């Protein structure tokens, strides 16, 4: 995936970070729906494993979003920031 251009203002940096965090949340929910971290029926880790599975999913989702995700963060950034030339 092509890396986005570096932000030039603090507002762009904050907006891009918020967009990436939202994409990570979406990915985490998708991973949860796919069953990542679900305790197997036999020989599972019990309640402790269930409680910490969300941390694993969130960490993996953040790593996926940081690596480029599926482009949601970049689309959100451009939708919220507007065109590069400043015209809306």
PDB file of N, CA and C in Angstrom:
ATOM      1  N   UNK A   1       0.841  -1.171   0.000  1.00  0.00           N
ATOM      2  CA  UNK A   1       0.000   0.000   0.000  1.00  0.00           C
ATOM      3  C   UNK A   1       0.887   1.235   0.000  1.00  0.00           C
ATOM      4  N   UNK A   2       0.451   2.241  -0.701  1.00  0.00           N
ATOM      5  CA  UNK A   2       1.187   3.502  -0.778  1.00  0.00           C
ATOM      6  C   UNK A   2       0.982   4.268   0.514  1.00  0.00           C
ATOM      7  N   UNK A   3       2.077   4.738   1.077  1.00  0.00           N
ATOM      8  CA  UNK A   3       1.996   5.496   2.322  1.00  0.00           C
ATOM      9  C   UNK A   3       1.461   6.893   2.042  1.00  0.00           C
ATOM     10  N   UNK A   4       0.586   7.429   2.926  1.00  0.00           N
ATOM     11  CA  UNK A   4       0.056   8.774   2.738  1.00  0.00           C
ATOM     12  C   UNK A   4       1.164   9.797   2.942  1.00  0.00           C
ATOM     13  N   UNK A   5       0.996  10.979   2.330  1.00  0.00           N
ATOM     14  CA  UNK A   5       2.005  12.017   2.541  1.00  0.00           C
ATOM     15  C   UNK A   5       2.034  12.437   3.999  1.00  0.00           C
ATOM     16  N   UNK A   6       3.198  12.864   4.477  1.00  0.00           N
ATOM     17  CA  UNK A   6       3.272  13.279   5.882  1.00  0.00           C
ATOM     18  C   UNK A   6       2.428  14.522   6.124  1.00  0.00           C
ATOM     19  N   UNK A   7       1.757  14.600   7.278  1.00  0.00           N
ATOM     20  CA  UNK A   7       0.949  15.778   7.588  1.00  0.00           C
ATOM     21  C   UNK A   7       1.844  17.008   7.736  1.00  0.00           C
ATOM     22  N   UNK A   8       1.278  18.142   7.383  1.00  0.00           N
ATOM     23  CA  UNK A   8       2.072  19.368   7.436  1.00  0.00           C
ATOM     24  C   UNK A   8       1.697  20.277   8.596  1.00  0.00           C
ATOM     25  N   UNK A   9       0.548  20.068   9.202  1.00  0.00           N
ATOM     26  CA  UNK A   9       0.135  20.915  10.321  1.00  0.00           C
ATOM     27  C   UNK A   9      -0.225  20.037  11.521  1.00  0.00           C
ATOM     28  N   UNK A  10      -0.216  20.604  12.710  1.00  0.00           N
ATOM     29  CA  UNK A  10      -0.640  19.830  13.888  1.00  0.00           C
ATOM     30  C   UNK A  10      -2.078  19.325  13.761  1.00  0.00           C
ATOM     31  N   UNK A  11      -2.955  20.119  13.134  1.00  0.00           N
ATOM     32  CA  UNK A  11      -4.348  19.686  12.947  1.00  0.00           C
ATOM     33  C   UNK A  11      -4.419  18.451  12.055  1.00  0.00           C
ATOM     34  N   UNK A  12      -3.617  18.429  10.985  1.00  0.00           N
ATOM     35  CA  UNK A  12      -3.597  17.268  10.102  1.00  0.00           C
ATOM     36  C   UNK A  12      -3.069  16.045  10.838  1.00  0.00           C
ATOM     37  N   UNK A  13      -2.061  16.235  11.666  1.00  0.00           N
ATOM     38  CA  UNK A  13      -1.505  15.123  12.440  1.00  0.00           C
ATOM     39  C   UNK A  13      -2.554  14.553  13.384  1.00  0.00           C
ATOM     40  N   UNK A  14      -3.275  15.419  14.082  1.00  0.00           N
ATOM     41  CA  UNK A  14      -4.308  14.975  15.012  1.00  0.00           C
ATOM     42  C   UNK A  14      -5.462  14.304  14.277  1.00  0.00           C
ATOM     43  N   UNK A  15      -5.865  14.870  13.152  1.00  0.00           N
ATOM     44  CA  UNK A  15      -6.969  14.306  12.383  1.00  0.00           C
ATOM     45  C   UNK A  15      -6.600  12.942  11.814  1.00  0.00           C
ATOM     46  N   UNK A  16      -5.379  12.813  11.299  1.00  0.00           N
ATOM     47  CA  UNK A  16      -4.935  11.521  10.761  1.00  0.00           C
ATOM     48  C   UNK A  16      -4.852  10.479  11.884  1.00  0.00           C
ATOM     49  N   UNK A  17      -4.399  10.879  13.060  1.00  0.00           N
ATOM     50  CA  UNK A  17      -4.338   9.964  14.200  1.00  0.00           C
ATOM     51  C   UNK A  17      -5.718   9.506  14.640  1.00  0.00           C
ATOM     52  N   UNK A  18      -6.674  10.436  14.664  1.00  0.00           N
ATOM     53  CA  UNK A  18      -8.045  10.077  15.040  1.00  0.00           C
ATOM     54  C   UNK A  18      -8.661   9.139  14.005  1.00  0.00           C
ATOM     55  N   UNK A  19      -8.408   9.391  12.734  1.00  0.00           N
ATOM     56  CA  UNK A  19      -8.927   8.524  11.676  1.00  0.00           C
ATOM     57  C   UNK A  19      -8.331   7.124  11.781  1.00  0.00           C
ATOM     58  N   UNK A  20      -7.031   7.044  12.095  1.00  0.00           N
ATOM     59  CA  UNK A  20      -6.376   5.740  12.239  1.00  0.00           C
ATOM     60  C   UNK A  20      -6.920   4.999  13.462  1.00  0.00           C
ATOM     61  N   UNK A  21      -7.191   5.723  14.551  1.00  0.00           N
ATOM     62  CA  UNK A  21      -7.753   5.093  15.755  1.00  0.00           C
ATOM     63  C   UNK A  21      -9.155   4.553  15.479  1.00  0.00           C
ATOM     64  N   UNK A  22      -9.944   5.290  14.711  1.00  0.00           N
ATOM     65  CA  UNK A  22     -11.278   4.819  14.363  1.00  0.00           C
ATOM     66  C   UNK A  22     -11.194   3.576  13.480  1.00  0.00           C
ATOM     67  N   UNK A  23     -10.260   3.575  12.531  1.00  0.00           N
ATOM     68  CA  UNK A  23     -10.083   2.390  11.691  1.00  0.00           C
ATOM     69  C   UNK A  23      -9.671   1.187  12.548  1.00  0.00           C
ATOM     70  N   UNK A  24      -8.815   1.406  13.537  1.00  0.00           N
ATOM     71  CA  UNK A  24      -8.401   0.317  14.426  1.00  0.00           C
ATOM     72  C   UNK A  24      -9.598  -0.240  15.190  1.00  0.00           C
ATOM     73  N   UNK A  25     -10.510   0.627  15.630  1.00  0.00           N
ATOM     74  CA  UNK A  25     -11.714   0.168  16.329  1.00  0.00           C
ATOM     75  C   UNK A  25     -12.585  -0.681  15.409  1.00  0.00           C
ATOM     76  N   UNK A  26     -12.732  -0.243  14.163  1.00  0.00           N
ATOM     77  CA  UNK A  26     -13.531  -0.996  13.198  1.00  0.00           C
ATOM     78  C   UNK A  26     -12.896  -2.364  12.953  1.00  0.00           C
ATOM     79  N   UNK A  27     -11.578  -2.393  12.784  1.00  0.00           N
ATOM     80  CA  UNK A  27     -10.878  -3.660  12.564  1.00  0.00           C
ATOM     81  C   UNK A  27     -11.035  -4.569  13.777  1.00  0.00           C
ATOM     82  N   UNK A  28     -10.932  -4.012  14.985  1.00  0.00           N
ATOM     83  CA  UNK A  28     -11.091  -4.819  16.197  1.00  0.00           C
ATOM     84  C   UNK A  28     -12.468  -5.454  16.262  1.00  0.00           C
ATOM     85  N   UNK A  29     -13.492  -4.706  15.896  1.00  0.00           N
ATOM     86  CA  UNK A  29     -14.849  -5.257  15.890  1.00  0.00           C
ATOM     87  C   UNK A  29     -14.991  -6.336  14.822  1.00  0.00           C
ATOM     88  N   UNK A  30     -14.338  -6.150  13.695  1.00  0.00           N
ATOM     89  CA  UNK A  30     -14.376  -7.173  12.644  1.00  0.00           C
ATOM     90  C   UNK A  30     -13.667  -8.448  13.110  1.00  0.00           C
ATOM     91  N   UNK A  31     -12.548  -8.282  13.799  1.00  0.00           N
ATOM     92  CA  UNK A  31     -11.835  -9.445  14.319  1.00  0.00           C
ATOM     93  C   UNK A  31     -12.669 -10.172  15.374  1.00  0.00           C
ATOM     94  N   UNK A  32     -13.377  -9.402  16.194  1.00  0.00           N
ATOM     95  CA  UNK A  32     -14.244 -10.003  17.213  1.00  0.00           C
ATOM     96  C   UNK A  32     -15.362 -10.802  16.545  1.00  0.00           C
ATOM     97  N   UNK A  33     -15.975 -10.219  15.517  1.00  0.00           N
ATOM     98  CA  UNK A  33     -17.050 -10.909  14.808  1.00  0.00           C
ATOM     99  C   UNK A  33     -16.540 -12.161  14.101  1.00  0.00           C
ATOM    100  N   UNK A  34     -15.274 -12.136  13.683  1.00  0.00           N
ATOM    101  CA  UNK A  34     -14.680 -13.294  13.017  1.00  0.00           C
ATOM    102  C   UNK A  34     -14.297 -14.385  14.010  1.00  0.00           C
ATOM    103  N   UNK A  35     -14.341 -14.067  15.304  1.00  0.00           N
ATOM    104  CA  UNK A  35     -14.067 -15.079  16.319  1.00  0.00           C
ATOM    105  C   UNK A  35     -12.645 -15.084  16.842  1.00  0.00           C
ATOM    106  N   UNK A  36     -11.844 -14.085  16.515  1.00  0.00           N
ATOM    107  CA  UNK A  36     -10.478 -14.024  17.026  1.00  0.00           C
ATOM    108  C   UNK A  36     -10.510 -13.837  18.537  1.00  0.00           C
ATOM    109  N   UNK A  37      -9.822 -14.687  19.263  1.00  0.00           N
ATOM    110  CA  UNK A  37      -9.765 -14.597  20.713  1.00  0.00           C
ATOM    111  C   UNK A  37     -10.858 -15.359  21.428  1.00  0.00           C
ATOM    112  N   UNK A  38     -11.723 -16.028  20.674  1.00  0.00           N
ATOM    113  CA  UNK A  38     -12.790 -16.814  21.294  1.00  0.00           C
ATOM    114  C   UNK A  38     -12.167 -18.024  21.994  1.00  0.00           C
ATOM    115  N   UNK A  39     -12.599 -18.285  23.201  1.00  0.00           N
ATOM    116  CA  UNK A  39     -12.078 -19.400  23.988  1.00  0.00           C
ATOM    117  C   UNK A  39     -12.602 -20.717  23.429  1.00  0.00           C
ATOM    118  N   UNK A  40     -11.699 -21.661  23.145  1.00  0.00           N
ATOM    119  CA  UNK A  40     -12.174 -22.965  22.672  1.00  0.00           C
ATOM    120  C   UNK A  40     -12.982 -23.677  23.757  1.00  0.00           C
ATOM    121  N   UNK A  41     -13.849 -24.573  23.334  1.00  0.00           N
ATOM    122  CA  UNK A  41     -14.727 -25.270  24.283  1.00  0.00           C
ATOM    123  C   UNK A  41     -13.937 -26.136  25.257  1.00  0.00           C
ATOM    124  N   UNK A  42     -12.938 -26.842  24.758  1.00  0.00           N
ATOM    125  CA  UNK A  42     -12.144 -27.718  25.616  1.00  0.00           C
ATOM    126  C   UNK A  42     -10.771 -27.115  25.860  1.00  0.00           C
ATOM    127  N   UNK A  43     -10.304 -27.201  27.068  1.00  0.00           N
ATOM    128  CA  UNK A  43      -8.971 -26.734  27.456  1.00  0.00           C
ATOM    129  C   UNK A  43      -8.774 -25.242  27.208  1.00  0.00           C
ATOM    130  N   UNK A  44      -9.806 -24.457  27.397  1.00  0.00           N
ATOM    131  CA  UNK A  44      -9.706 -23.014  27.242  1.00  0.00           C
ATOM    132  C   UNK A  44      -9.060 -22.387  28.461  1.00  0.00           C
ATOM    133  N   UNK A  45      -8.769 -21.120  28.357  1.00  0.00           N
ATOM    134  CA  UNK A  45      -8.111 -20.411  29.438  1.00  0.00           C
ATOM    135  C   UNK A  45      -9.054 -19.878  30.495  1.00  0.00           C
ATOM    136  N   UNK A  46     -10.331 -20.120  30.334  1.00  0.00           N
ATOM    137  CA  UNK A  46     -11.297 -19.689  31.339  1.00  0.00           C
ATOM    138  C   UNK A  46     -11.612 -18.210  31.257  1.00  0.00           C
ATOM    139  N   UNK A  47     -12.069 -17.662  32.377  1.00  0.00           N
ATOM    140  CA  UNK A  47     -12.497 -16.263  32.390  1.00  0.00           C
ATOM    141  C   UNK A  47     -11.336 -15.303  32.185  1.00  0.00           C
ATOM    142  N   UNK A  48     -10.154 -15.672  32.637  1.00  0.00           N
ATOM    143  CA  UNK A  48      -8.993 -14.800  32.436  1.00  0.00           C
ATOM    144  C   UNK A  48      -8.686 -14.596  30.969  1.00  0.00           C
ATOM    145  N   UNK A  49      -8.764 -15.676  30.212  1.00  0.00           N
ATOM    146  CA  UNK A  49      -8.518 -15.572  28.777  1.00  0.00           C
ATOM    147  C   UNK A  49      -9.592 -14.723  28.109  1.00  0.00           C
ATOM    148  N   UNK A  50     -10.836 -14.920  28.508  1.00  0.00           N
ATOM    149  CA  UNK A  50     -11.935 -14.139  27.948  1.00  0.00           C
ATOM    150  C   UNK A  50     -11.755 -12.646  28.224  1.00  0.00           C
ATOM    151  N   UNK A  51     -11.296 -12.319  29.421  1.00  0.00           N
ATOM    152  CA  UNK A  51     -11.155 -10.916  29.802  1.00  0.00           C
ATOM    153  C   UNK A  51     -10.039 -10.215  29.034  1.00  0.00           C
ATOM    154  N   UNK A  52      -8.979 -10.937  28.702  1.00  0.00           N
ATOM    155  CA  UNK A  52      -7.846 -10.303  28.041  1.00  0.00           C
ATOM    156  C   UNK A  52      -7.852 -10.470  26.525  1.00  0.00           C
ATOM    157  N   UNK A  53      -8.798 -11.214  25.982  1.00  0.00           N
ATOM    158  CA  UNK A  53      -8.878 -11.400  24.533  1.00  0.00           C
ATOM    159  C   UNK A  53      -9.115 -10.067  23.825  1.00  0.00           C
ATOM    160  N   UNK A  54      -9.875  -9.174  24.443  1.00  0.00           N
ATOM    161  CA  UNK A  54     -10.144  -7.877  23.809  1.00  0.00           C
ATOM    162  C   UNK A  54      -8.871  -7.043  23.683  1.00  0.00           C
ATOM    163  N   UNK A  55      -7.952  -7.165  24.655  1.00  0.00           N
ATOM    164  CA  UNK A  55      -6.683  -6.437  24.566  1.00  0.00           C
ATOM    165  C   UNK A  55      -5.847  -6.950  23.394  1.00  0.00           C
ATOM    166  N   UNK A  56      -5.853  -8.263  23.199  1.00  0.00           N
ATOM    167  CA  UNK A  56      -5.126  -8.856  22.077  1.00  0.00           C
ATOM    168  C   UNK A  56      -5.722  -8.384  20.751  1.00  0.00           C
ATOM    169  N   UNK A  57      -7.048  -8.441  20.640  1.00  0.00           N
ATOM    170  CA  UNK A  57      -7.702  -7.989  19.406  1.00  0.00           C
ATOM    171  C   UNK A  57      -7.398  -6.526  19.127  1.00  0.00           C
ATOM    172  N   UNK A  58      -7.475  -5.676  20.150  1.00  0.00           N
ATOM    173  CA  UNK A  58      -7.226  -4.248  19.960  1.00  0.00           C
ATOM    174  C   UNK A  58      -5.785  -3.999  19.531  1.00  0.00           C
ATOM    175  N   UNK A  59      -4.849  -4.694  20.145  1.00  0.00           N
ATOM    176  CA  UNK A  59      -3.438  -4.532  19.783  1.00  0.00           C
ATOM    177  C   UNK A  59      -3.184  -4.964  18.340  1.00  0.00           C
ATOM    178  N   UNK A  60      -3.776  -6.086  17.950  1.00  0.00           N
ATOM    179  CA  UNK A  60      -3.615  -6.541  16.574  1.00  0.00           C
ATOM    180  C   UNK A  60      -4.287  -5.583  15.597  1.00  0.00           C
ATOM    181  N   UNK A  61      -5.442  -5.066  15.955  1.00  0.00           N
ATOM    182  CA  UNK A  61      -6.143  -4.119  15.092  1.00  0.00           C
ATOM    183  C   UNK A  61      -5.340  -2.828  14.927  1.00  0.00           C
ATOM    184  N   UNK A  62      -4.729  -2.341  16.008  1.00  0.00           N
ATOM    185  CA  UNK A  62      -3.908  -1.125  15.925  1.00  0.00           C
ATOM    186  C   UNK A  62      -2.702  -1.354  15.020  1.00  0.00           C
ATOM    187  N   UNK A  63      -2.081  -2.530  15.130  1.00  0.00           N
ATOM    188  CA  UNK A  63      -0.943  -2.849  14.267  1.00  0.00           C
ATOM    189  C   UNK A  63      -1.377  -2.924  12.805  1.00  0.00           C
ATOM    190  N   UNK A  64      -2.542  -3.484  12.562  1.00  0.00           N
ATOM    191  CA  UNK A  64      -3.055  -3.575  11.195  1.00  0.00           C
ATOM    192  C   UNK A  64      -3.367  -2.188  10.634  1.00  0.00           C
ATOM    193  N   UNK A  65      -3.975  -1.328  11.428  1.00  0.00           N
ATOM    194  CA  UNK A  65      -4.297   0.027  10.980  1.00  0.00           C
ATOM    195  C   UNK A  65      -3.021   0.822  10.730  1.00  0.00           C
ATOM    196  N   UNK A  66      -2.024   0.657  11.583  1.00  0.00           N
ATOM    197  CA  UNK A  66      -0.749   1.360  11.422  1.00  0.00           C
ATOM    198  C   UNK A  66      -0.037   0.918  10.142  1.00  0.00           C
ATOM    199  N   UNK A  67      -0.214  -0.346   9.780  1.00  0.00           N
ATOM    200  CA  UNK A  67       0.421  -0.885   8.572  1.00  0.00           C
ATOM    201  C   UNK A  67      -0.341  -0.515   7.301  1.00  0.00           C
ATOM    202  N   UNK A  68      -1.424   0.198   7.433  1.00  0.00           N
ATOM    203  CA  UNK A  68      -2.175   0.626   6.263  1.00  0.00           C
ATOM    204  C   UNK A  68      -3.624   0.214   6.280  1.00  0.00           C
ATOM    205  N   UNK A  69      -3.949  -0.770   7.108  1.00  0.00           N
ATOM    206  CA  UNK A  69      -5.341  -1.195   7.232  1.00  0.00           C
ATOM    207  C   UNK A  69      -5.958  -1.517   5.891  1.00  0.00           C
ATOM    208  N   UNK A  70      -7.192  -1.111   5.709  1.00  0.00           N
ATOM    209  CA  UNK A  70      -7.844  -1.320   4.424  1.00  0.00           C
ATOM    210  C   UNK A  70      -8.257   0.005   3.798  1.00  0.00           C
ATOM    211  N   UNK A  71      -7.631   1.089   4.239  1.00  0.00           N
ATOM    212  CA  UNK A  71      -7.823   2.390   3.616  1.00  0.00           C
ATOM    213  C   UNK A  71      -8.904   3.261   4.227  1.00  0.00           C
ATOM    214  N   UNK A  72      -9.559   2.786   5.260  1.00  0.00           N
ATOM    215  CA  UNK A  72     -10.634   3.565   5.872  1.00  0.00           C
ATOM    216  C   UNK A  72     -10.104   4.858   6.490  1.00  0.00           C
ATOM    217  N   UNK A  73      -8.969   4.782   7.170  1.00  0.00           N
ATOM    218  CA  UNK A  73      -8.413   5.972   7.830  1.00  0.00           C
ATOM    219  C   UNK A  73      -8.108   7.077   6.821  1.00  0.00           C
ATOM    220  N   UNK A  74      -7.538   6.701   5.695  1.00  0.00           N
ATOM    221  CA  UNK A  74      -7.188   7.704   4.682  1.00  0.00           C
ATOM    222  C   UNK A  74      -8.455   8.328   4.090  1.00  0.00           C
ATOM    223  N   UNK A  75      -9.468   7.522   3.866  1.00  0.00           N
ATOM    224  CA  UNK A  75     -10.729   8.058   3.331  1.00  0.00           C
ATOM    225  C   UNK A  75     -11.401   8.985   4.349  1.00  0.00           C
ATOM    226  N   UNK A  76     -11.377   8.600   5.619  1.00  0.00           N
ATOM    227  CA  UNK A  76     -11.941   9.462   6.658  1.00  0.00           C
ATOM    228  C   UNK A  76     -11.182  10.774   6.745  1.00  0.00           C
ATOM    229  N   UNK A  77      -9.859  10.683   6.694  1.00  0.00           N
ATOM    230  CA  UNK A  77      -9.036  11.894   6.761  1.00  0.00           C
ATOM    231  C   UNK A  77      -9.408  12.854   5.639  1.00  0.00           C
ATOM    232  N   UNK A  78      -9.490  12.349   4.417  1.00  0.00           N
ATOM    233  CA  UNK A  78      -9.807  13.219   3.275  1.00  0.00           C
ATOM    234  C   UNK A  78     -11.241  13.736   3.329  1.00  0.00           C
ATOM    235  N   UNK A  79     -12.156  12.934   3.844  1.00  0.00           N
ATOM    236  CA  UNK A  79     -13.540  13.389   3.965  1.00  0.00           C
ATOM    237  C   UNK A  79     -13.661  14.510   4.992  1.00  0.00           C
ATOM    238  N   UNK A  80     -12.922  14.406   6.085  1.00  0.00           N
ATOM    239  CA  UNK A  80     -13.003  15.410   7.135  1.00  0.00           C
ATOM    240  C   UNK A  80     -12.129  16.630   6.865  1.00  0.00           C
ATOM    241  N   UNK A  81     -11.007  16.411   6.208  1.00  0.00           N
ATOM    242  CA  UNK A  81     -10.069  17.509   5.970  1.00  0.00           C
ATOM    243  C   UNK A  81     -10.440  18.290   4.725  1.00  0.00           C
ATOM    244  N   UNK A  82     -10.990  17.639   3.750  1.00  0.00           N
ATOM    245  CA  UNK A  82     -11.346  18.303   2.493  1.00  0.00           C
ATOM    246  C   UNK A  82     -10.247  18.116   1.466  1.00  0.00           C
ATOM    247  N   UNK A  83     -10.458  18.647   0.283  1.00  0.00           N
ATOM    248  CA  UNK A  83      -9.467  18.514  -0.788  1.00  0.00           C
ATOM    249  C   UNK A  83      -8.133  19.186  -0.430  1.00  0.00           C
ATOM    250  N   UNK A  84      -7.090  18.751  -1.085  1.00  0.00           N
ATOM    251  CA  UNK A  84      -5.749  19.277  -0.805  1.00  0.00           C
ATOM    252  C   UNK A  84      -5.638  20.755  -1.128  1.00  0.00           C
ATOM    253  N   UNK A  85      -6.415  21.244  -2.102  1.00  0.00           N
ATOM    254  CA  UNK A  85      -6.307  22.654  -2.486  1.00  0.00           C
ATOM    255  C   UNK A  85      -7.126  23.583  -1.587  1.00  0.00           C
ATOM    256  N   UNK A  86      -7.837  23.021  -0.626  1.00  0.00           N
ATOM    257  CA  UNK A  86      -8.590  23.826   0.333  1.00  0.00           C
ATOM    258  C   UNK A  86      -9.975  24.207  -0.126  1.00  0.00           C
ATOM    259  N   UNK A  87     -10.368  23.822  -1.360  1.00  0.00           N
ATOM    260  CA  UNK A  87     -11.704  24.133  -1.865  1.00  0.00           C
ATOM    261  C   UNK A  87     -12.654  23.030  -1.452  1.00  0.00           C
ATOM    262  N   UNK A  88     -13.883  23.404  -1.138  1.00  0.00           N
ATOM    263  CA  UNK A  88     -14.915  22.415  -0.770  1.00  0.00           C
ATOM    264  C   UNK A  88     -16.027  22.460  -1.752  1.00  0.00           C
TER     265      UNK A  88
END
